[in-house]
């Protein structure tokens, strides 16, 4: 999932939670008669609402709303849980005698180990994600700001070339992210 979708999900869940919490609190206060509503016209309108729990279909209605809420919540959990997973990917050029498949998570992990073995990279992590409907092998390489950029680029290019050979022209994209640590660099302009 993209960061925007995650942010929208969190805001919607926060607002729904606050709305439910506030509504539940008001309902409890109203039920124990701690919440008095001003004016006779407003109180008369709530007499109908106070008699709703005595209606014979009240419990059935609450049950249906509860079951629907649980089904919507389970559907949301299912969609969010399986969205980021990538199964085995068929390699391009698979012959008629069988199918060649590769596990992208294992490929990403192996590529991260290869990238971390190079001199300019301190550590690396590899993950396989789905980003906007595309399968992506994402490598996060941590390095120091004082490294030789040409050497770092050669290491990254070699790892990406190895990934292209492993994936055999499959429709998988490769993304390399650099996490540059600035703590070890002496900057003469900053004192």
Protein backbone atom coordinates (compact mmCIF):
# COMPACT_ATOMS: atom_id res chain seq x y z
CA UNK A 1 0.00 0.00 0.00
CA UNK A 2 1.14 3.52 -0.63
CA UNK A 3 1.70 6.01 2.16
CA UNK A 4 -1.33 8.03 1.09
CA UNK A 5 -3.68 5.05 1.40
CA UNK A 6 -2.24 4.20 4.81
CA UNK A 7 -2.68 7.80 5.97
CA UNK A 8 -6.29 7.90 4.76
CA UNK A 9 -7.00 4.55 6.47
CA UNK A 10 -5.60 5.82 9.77
CA UNK A 11 -7.53 9.09 9.63
CA UNK A 12 -10.80 7.30 8.79
CA UNK A 13 -10.30 4.78 11.61
CA UNK A 14 -9.45 7.57 14.06
CA UNK A 15 -12.54 9.60 13.12
CA UNK A 16 -14.81 6.55 13.24
CA UNK A 17 -13.39 5.55 16.62
CA UNK A 18 -13.87 9.04 18.05
CA UNK A 19 -17.41 9.19 16.66
CA UNK A 20 -18.30 5.80 18.14
CA UNK A 21 -16.68 6.65 21.48
CA UNK A 22 -18.47 9.98 21.70
CA UNK A 23 -21.80 8.52 20.62
CA UNK A 24 -21.49 5.65 23.08
CA UNK A 25 -20.60 8.03 25.92
CA UNK A 26 -23.58 10.27 25.14
CA UNK A 27 -25.88 7.26 24.95
CA UNK A 28 -24.71 5.92 28.32
CA UNK A 29 -25.04 9.35 29.94
CA UNK A 30 -28.51 9.74 28.46
CA UNK A 31 -29.54 6.26 29.62
CA UNK A 32 -28.46 6.82 33.24
CA UNK A 33 -30.17 10.22 33.10
CA UNK A 34 -26.97 12.23 33.65
CA UNK A 35 -27.52 14.07 30.37
CA UNK A 36 -30.48 16.44 30.55
CA UNK A 37 -31.64 18.00 27.34
CA UNK A 38 -32.91 21.60 27.62
CA UNK A 39 -36.35 22.67 26.52
CA UNK A 40 -39.63 20.75 26.41
CA UNK A 41 -39.78 20.49 22.58
CA UNK A 42 -36.43 18.69 22.40
CA UNK A 43 -37.36 16.37 25.28
CA UNK A 44 -40.68 15.50 23.60
CA UNK A 45 -38.82 14.46 20.45
CA UNK A 46 -36.64 12.13 22.48
CA UNK A 47 -39.62 10.35 24.05
CA UNK A 48 -39.96 8.39 20.82
CA UNK A 49 -36.29 7.44 20.98
CA UNK A 50 -36.65 6.37 24.63
CA UNK A 51 -39.42 4.00 23.68
CA UNK A 52 -37.40 2.33 20.89
CA UNK A 53 -35.78 -0.33 23.15
CA UNK A 54 -39.27 -1.53 24.08
CA UNK A 55 -40.13 -2.22 20.43
CA UNK A 56 -40.26 -5.97 19.62
CA UNK A 57 -37.86 -5.66 16.66
CA UNK A 58 -35.25 -3.65 18.61
CA UNK A 59 -33.04 -6.64 19.43
CA UNK A 60 -33.27 -7.99 15.89
CA UNK A 61 -32.25 -4.62 14.48
CA UNK A 62 -29.28 -4.38 16.84
CA UNK A 63 -28.27 -7.94 15.91
CA UNK A 64 -28.37 -7.18 12.18
CA UNK A 65 -26.34 -3.98 12.64
CA UNK A 66 -23.80 -5.89 14.76
CA UNK A 67 -23.42 -8.72 12.23
CA UNK A 68 -23.05 -6.25 9.35
CA UNK A 69 -20.42 -4.30 11.30
CA UNK A 70 -18.44 -7.47 11.97
CA UNK A 71 -18.63 -8.51 8.30
CA UNK A 72 -17.44 -5.08 7.11
CA UNK A 73 -14.57 -5.14 9.63
CA UNK A 74 -13.51 -8.66 8.58
CA UNK A 75 -13.63 -7.69 4.91
CA UNK A 76 -11.46 -4.64 5.60
CA UNK A 77 -8.95 -6.73 7.55
CA UNK A 78 -8.82 -9.34 4.78
CA UNK A 79 -8.23 -6.77 2.05
CA UNK A 80 -5.50 -5.00 4.02
CA UNK A 81 -3.78 -8.19 5.15
CA UNK A 82 -3.39 -9.76 1.73
CA UNK A 83 -2.66 -6.62 -0.25
CA UNK A 84 1.08 -6.55 0.39
CA UNK A 85 1.83 -10.24 -0.12
CA UNK A 86 3.41 -11.50 -3.28
CA UNK A 87 3.24 -15.13 -4.24
CA UNK A 88 5.59 -16.93 -6.58
CA UNK A 89 6.14 -15.14 -9.88
CA UNK A 90 6.32 -17.01 -13.19
CA UNK A 91 9.54 -16.30 -15.02
CA UNK A 92 9.45 -15.10 -18.60
CA UNK A 93 10.38 -17.73 -21.14
CA UNK A 94 8.74 -20.62 -19.30
CA UNK A 95 8.56 -23.55 -21.70
CA UNK A 96 5.69 -25.93 -22.43
CA UNK A 97 7.25 -28.69 -20.33
CA UNK A 98 6.69 -26.84 -17.06
CA UNK A 99 6.61 -23.58 -15.24
CA UNK A 100 9.53 -21.78 -13.73
CA UNK A 101 8.57 -19.76 -10.67
CA UNK A 102 10.57 -17.61 -8.30
CA UNK A 103 9.82 -16.39 -4.79
CA UNK A 104 10.36 -12.61 -4.91
CA UNK A 105 10.90 -12.32 -1.16
CA UNK A 106 13.79 -14.78 -1.35
CA UNK A 107 15.24 -12.95 -4.37
CA UNK A 108 14.98 -9.60 -2.54
CA UNK A 109 16.70 -11.06 0.53
CA UNK A 110 19.52 -12.54 -1.57
CA UNK A 111 20.00 -9.27 -3.48
CA UNK A 112 20.18 -7.37 -0.17
CA UNK A 113 22.86 -9.75 1.10
CA UNK A 114 24.85 -9.27 -2.11
CA UNK A 115 24.54 -5.49 -1.87
CA UNK A 116 25.54 -5.49 1.81
CA UNK A 117 28.65 -7.53 1.00
CA UNK A 118 30.03 -4.59 -0.99
CA UNK A 119 32.41 -2.14 0.63
CA UNK A 120 30.39 1.13 0.52
CA UNK A 121 27.19 -0.40 1.95
CA UNK A 122 26.99 -0.95 5.73
CA UNK A 123 23.80 -3.01 5.68
CA UNK A 124 20.88 -3.75 3.36
CA UNK A 125 17.36 -5.12 3.57
CA UNK A 126 15.28 -6.52 0.75
CA UNK A 127 11.51 -6.83 0.52
CA UNK A 128 9.01 -7.71 -2.18
CA UNK A 129 6.02 -5.38 -2.27
CA UNK A 130 3.07 -4.52 -4.46
CA UNK A 131 3.07 -0.80 -5.25
CA UNK A 132 0.22 0.56 -7.36
CA UNK A 133 -0.48 -2.85 -8.81
CA UNK A 134 3.12 -3.55 -9.78
CA UNK A 135 5.41 -6.11 -8.21
CA UNK A 136 8.52 -4.42 -6.87
CA UNK A 137 11.73 -5.76 -5.35
CA UNK A 138 12.75 -3.01 -2.96
CA UNK A 139 16.25 -2.78 -1.51
CA UNK A 140 17.09 -0.43 1.36
CA UNK A 141 20.84 0.15 1.61
CA UNK A 142 22.36 1.96 4.57
CA UNK A 143 25.59 3.78 3.89
CA UNK A 144 27.76 6.53 5.27
CA UNK A 145 27.73 9.99 3.69
CA UNK A 146 31.47 9.91 3.16
CA UNK A 147 31.46 6.94 0.74
CA UNK A 148 32.66 7.19 -2.83
CA UNK A 149 29.50 7.69 -4.89
CA UNK A 150 30.98 6.15 -8.03
CA UNK A 151 31.82 2.96 -6.16
CA UNK A 152 28.37 2.93 -4.56
CA UNK A 153 26.73 3.34 -7.97
CA UNK A 154 28.81 0.47 -9.39
CA UNK A 155 27.73 -1.78 -6.51
CA UNK A 156 24.06 -0.86 -6.96
CA UNK A 157 24.25 -1.31 -10.76
CA UNK A 158 25.89 -4.73 -10.34
CA UNK A 159 23.17 -5.82 -7.91
CA UNK A 160 20.39 -4.59 -10.22
CA UNK A 161 22.03 -6.44 -13.14
CA UNK A 162 22.16 -9.62 -11.04
CA UNK A 163 18.47 -9.17 -10.25
CA UNK A 164 17.68 -8.81 -13.96
CA UNK A 165 19.45 -12.12 -14.62
CA UNK A 166 17.65 -13.85 -11.72
CA UNK A 167 14.23 -12.55 -12.75
CA UNK A 168 14.79 -13.38 -16.46
CA UNK A 169 12.95 -10.32 -17.86
CA UNK A 170 9.87 -10.83 -15.65
CA UNK A 171 7.59 -7.81 -15.23
CA UNK A 172 9.09 -6.99 -11.83
CA UNK A 173 10.49 -3.58 -11.03
CA UNK A 174 13.52 -2.95 -8.85
CA UNK A 175 13.76 -0.01 -6.47
CA UNK A 176 16.92 0.82 -4.51
CA UNK A 177 16.58 3.24 -1.61
CA UNK A 178 19.61 4.72 0.11
CA UNK A 179 19.66 5.57 3.80
CA UNK A 180 22.60 7.92 4.23
CA UNK A 181 23.99 8.28 7.73
CA UNK A 182 25.43 11.74 8.26
CA UNK A 183 26.78 11.23 11.75
CA UNK A 184 30.34 10.40 10.77
CA UNK A 185 30.97 13.32 8.42
CA UNK A 186 32.82 16.36 9.66
CA UNK A 187 31.27 19.41 8.09
CA UNK A 188 33.58 22.42 8.40
CA UNK A 189 30.68 24.83 7.84
CA UNK A 190 28.75 23.64 10.91
CA UNK A 191 30.28 24.23 14.33
